[in-house]
C-alpha atoms as a PDB file:
ATOM      1  CA  GLU A   1      18.581  49.710 -60.943  1.00  0.00           C
ATOM      2  CA  VAL A   2      19.945  46.555 -59.373  1.00  0.00           C
ATOM      3  CA  SER A   3      17.231  44.284 -60.809  1.00  0.00           C
ATOM      4  CA  LEU A   4      17.915  45.506 -64.365  1.00  0.00           C
ATOM      5  CA  LYS A   5      21.641  44.824 -63.938  1.00  0.00           C
ATOM      6  CA  ARG A   6      20.847  41.346 -62.565  1.00  0.00           C
ATOM      7  CA  ASP A   7      18.497  40.573 -65.464  1.00  0.00           C
ATOM      8  CA  LEU A   8      20.988  41.840 -68.036  1.00  0.00           C
ATOM      9  CA  LEU A   9      23.728  39.654 -66.557  1.00  0.00           C
ATOM     10  CA  SER A  10      21.352  36.679 -66.766  1.00  0.00           C
ATOM     11  CA  ALA A  11      20.839  37.390 -70.481  1.00  0.00           C
ATOM     12  CA  ILE A  12      24.600  37.678 -70.993  1.00  0.00           C
ATOM     13  CA  ASP A  13      25.003  34.324 -69.231  1.00  0.00           C
ATOM     14  CA  VAL A  14      22.716  32.698 -71.836  1.00  0.00           C
ATOM     15  CA  MET A  15      24.612  34.448 -74.659  1.00  0.00           C
ATOM     16  CA  MET A  16      27.945  33.152 -73.357  1.00  0.00           C
ATOM     17  CA  GLY A  17      26.435  29.673 -73.286  1.00  0.00           C
ATOM     18  CA  GLN A  18      25.494  30.111 -76.932  1.00  0.00           C
ATOM     19  CA  VAL A  19      29.029  31.185 -77.813  1.00  0.00           C
ATOM     20  CA  ILE A  20      30.500  28.211 -75.952  1.00  0.00           C
ATOM     21  CA  ARG A  21      28.046  25.834 -77.637  1.00  0.00           C
ATOM     22  CA  SER A  22      28.937  27.179 -81.096  1.00  0.00           C
ATOM     23  CA  LEU A  23      32.667  26.949 -80.402  1.00  0.00           C
ATOM     24  CA  TRP A  24      32.289  23.398 -79.088  1.00  0.00           C
ATOM     25  CA  GLU A  25      30.389  22.355 -82.204  1.00  0.00           C
ATOM     26  CA  ALA A  26      33.147  23.874 -84.381  1.00  0.00           C
ATOM     27  CA  GLU A  27      35.860  22.229 -82.293  1.00  0.00           C
ATOM     28  CA  CYS A  28      34.173  18.825 -82.626  1.00  0.00           C
ATOM     29  CA  ALA A  29      33.672  19.312 -86.378  1.00  0.00           C
ATOM     30  CA  SER A  30      37.389  20.055 -86.789  1.00  0.00           C
ATOM     31  CA  ARG A  31      38.268  16.580 -85.466  1.00  0.00           C
ATOM     32  CA  GLY A  32      41.041  17.885 -83.222  1.00  0.00           C
ATOM     33  CA  LYS A  33      42.466  20.469 -85.632  1.00  0.00           C
ATOM     34  CA  GLN A  34      41.034  23.438 -83.698  1.00  0.00           C
ATOM     35  CA  LYS A  35      40.927  24.120 -79.964  1.00  0.00           C
ATOM     36  CA  PHE A  36      39.075  27.172 -78.673  1.00  0.00           C
ATOM     37  CA  ALA A  37      39.317  29.171 -75.472  1.00  0.00           C
ATOM     38  CA  VAL A  38      37.123  31.952 -74.116  1.00  0.00           C
ATOM     39  CA  CYS A  39      38.073  34.942 -71.995  1.00  0.00           C
ATOM     40  CA  CYS A  40      35.486  36.953 -70.073  1.00  0.00           C
ATOM     41  CA  THR A  41      36.350  40.339 -68.640  1.00  0.00           C
ATOM     42  CA  GLY A  42      35.058  43.862 -68.258  1.00  0.00           C
ATOM     43  CA  ASP A  43      36.577  47.285 -68.745  1.00  0.00           C
ATOM     44  CA  HIS A  44      36.066  48.353 -65.098  1.00  0.00           C
ATOM     45  CA  SER A  45      34.383  47.328 -61.879  1.00  0.00           C
ATOM     46  CA  THR A  46      30.960  48.807 -61.184  1.00  0.00           C
ATOM     47  CA  PRO A  47      29.382  48.370 -57.762  1.00  0.00           C
ATOM     48  CA  ALA A  48      25.821  47.027 -58.035  1.00  0.00           C
ATOM     49  CA  ALA A  49      24.559  49.331 -55.297  1.00  0.00           C
ATOM     50  CA  TYR A  50      25.670  52.584 -56.957  1.00  0.00           C
ATOM     51  CA  VAL A  51      24.286  53.400 -60.384  1.00  0.00           C
ATOM     52  CA  MET A  52      26.608  55.244 -62.763  1.00  0.00           C
ATOM     53  CA  ASP A  53      29.637  54.794 -60.511  1.00  0.00           C
ATOM     54  CA  HIS A  54      32.913  52.947 -61.022  1.00  0.00           C
ATOM     55  CA  SER A  55      35.315  51.583 -58.459  1.00  0.00           C
ATOM     56  CA  HIS A  56      39.073  51.326 -58.498  1.00  0.00           C
ATOM     57  CA  GLU A  57      38.994  47.617 -57.737  1.00  0.00           C
ATOM     58  CA  PRO A  58      40.850  45.161 -59.988  1.00  0.00           C
ATOM     59  CA  VAL A  59      38.867  43.919 -62.977  1.00  0.00           C
ATOM     60  CA  PRO A  60      38.052  40.211 -62.655  1.00  0.00           C
ATOM     61  CA  PHE A  61      38.521  37.899 -65.619  1.00  0.00           C
ATOM     62  CA  CYS A  62      38.525  34.226 -66.481  1.00  0.00           C
ATOM     63  CA  ILE A  63      40.049  32.176 -69.294  1.00  0.00           C
ATOM     64  CA  ALA A  64      39.102  28.594 -70.078  1.00  0.00           C
ATOM     65  CA  TYR A  65      39.366  26.104 -72.884  1.00  0.00           C
ATOM     66  CA  VAL A  66      35.939  25.294 -74.276  1.00  0.00           C
ATOM     67  CA  SER A  67      36.660  21.580 -73.824  1.00  0.00           C
ATOM     68  CA  ASP A  68      37.293  22.152 -70.098  1.00  0.00           C
ATOM     69  CA  ILE A  69      33.977  23.995 -69.777  1.00  0.00           C
ATOM     70  CA  VAL A  70      32.192  21.094 -71.486  1.00  0.00           C
ATOM     71  CA  ASP A  71      33.937  18.648 -69.136  1.00  0.00           C
ATOM     72  CA  VAL A  72      32.538  20.583 -66.154  1.00  0.00           C
ATOM     73  CA  ILE A  73      28.969  21.228 -67.330  1.00  0.00           C
ATOM     74  CA  GLY A  74      28.554  18.153 -69.537  1.00  0.00           C
ATOM     75  CA  GLU A  75      27.487  17.813 -73.145  1.00  0.00           C
ATOM     76  CA  ASP A  76      23.857  17.234 -72.131  1.00  0.00           C
ATOM     77  CA  ALA A  77      23.693  20.621 -70.393  1.00  0.00           C
ATOM     78  CA  LEU A  78      25.405  22.237 -73.371  1.00  0.00           C
ATOM     79  CA  ALA A  79      22.812  20.762 -75.740  1.00  0.00           C
ATOM     80  CA  GLU A  80      20.030  22.383 -73.685  1.00  0.00           C
ATOM     81  CA  ILE A  81      21.353  25.915 -74.326  1.00  0.00           C
ATOM     82  CA  PRO A  82      18.957  27.615 -76.763  1.00  0.00           C
ATOM     83  CA  LYS A  83      20.346  28.705 -80.117  1.00  0.00           C
ATOM     84  CA  GLY A  84      17.800  31.437 -80.825  1.00  0.00           C
ATOM     85  CA  PRO A  85      17.720  35.118 -79.904  1.00  0.00           C
ATOM     86  CA  VAL A  86      18.013  36.017 -76.228  1.00  0.00           C
ATOM     87  CA  GLN A  87      15.315  38.176 -74.646  1.00  0.00           C
ATOM     88  CA  LEU A  88      16.888  41.283 -73.124  1.00  0.00           C
ATOM     89  CA  PRO A  89      15.375  42.765 -69.955  1.00  0.00           C
ATOM     90  CA  TYR A  90      14.497  46.012 -71.774  1.00  0.00           C
ATOM     91  CA  ASN A  91      13.311  47.122 -75.208  1.00  0.00           C
ATOM     92  CA  VAL A  92      16.093  47.778 -77.688  1.00  0.00           C
ATOM     93  CA  THR A  93      15.394  50.387 -80.341  1.00  0.00           C
ATOM     94  CA  SER A  94      17.664  51.629 -83.062  1.00  0.00           C
ATOM     95  CA  GLU A  95      17.581  55.044 -84.581  1.00  0.00           C
ATOM     96  CA  ALA A  96      18.283  55.296 -88.301  1.00  0.00           C
END
């Protein structure tokens, strides 16, 4: 379902913000001794319109230094990213 995929990607967006925020805090605490980068990619392309289907298109990716991300979005925006658990668009159950 397209709406589920959209909502899941929105949750992942918040999670990536949390990762970037944590890395930025660690980078600042290191006083210049550590510099972090993030890389986002997937294992294959999946068209949104076709459930359970893969395409043979190239897999997009991006790499950026955390400091460059903070320069673009600003430290104020970074501080607004919640640190707590992210609500997923479906119920997650685990089987023991």
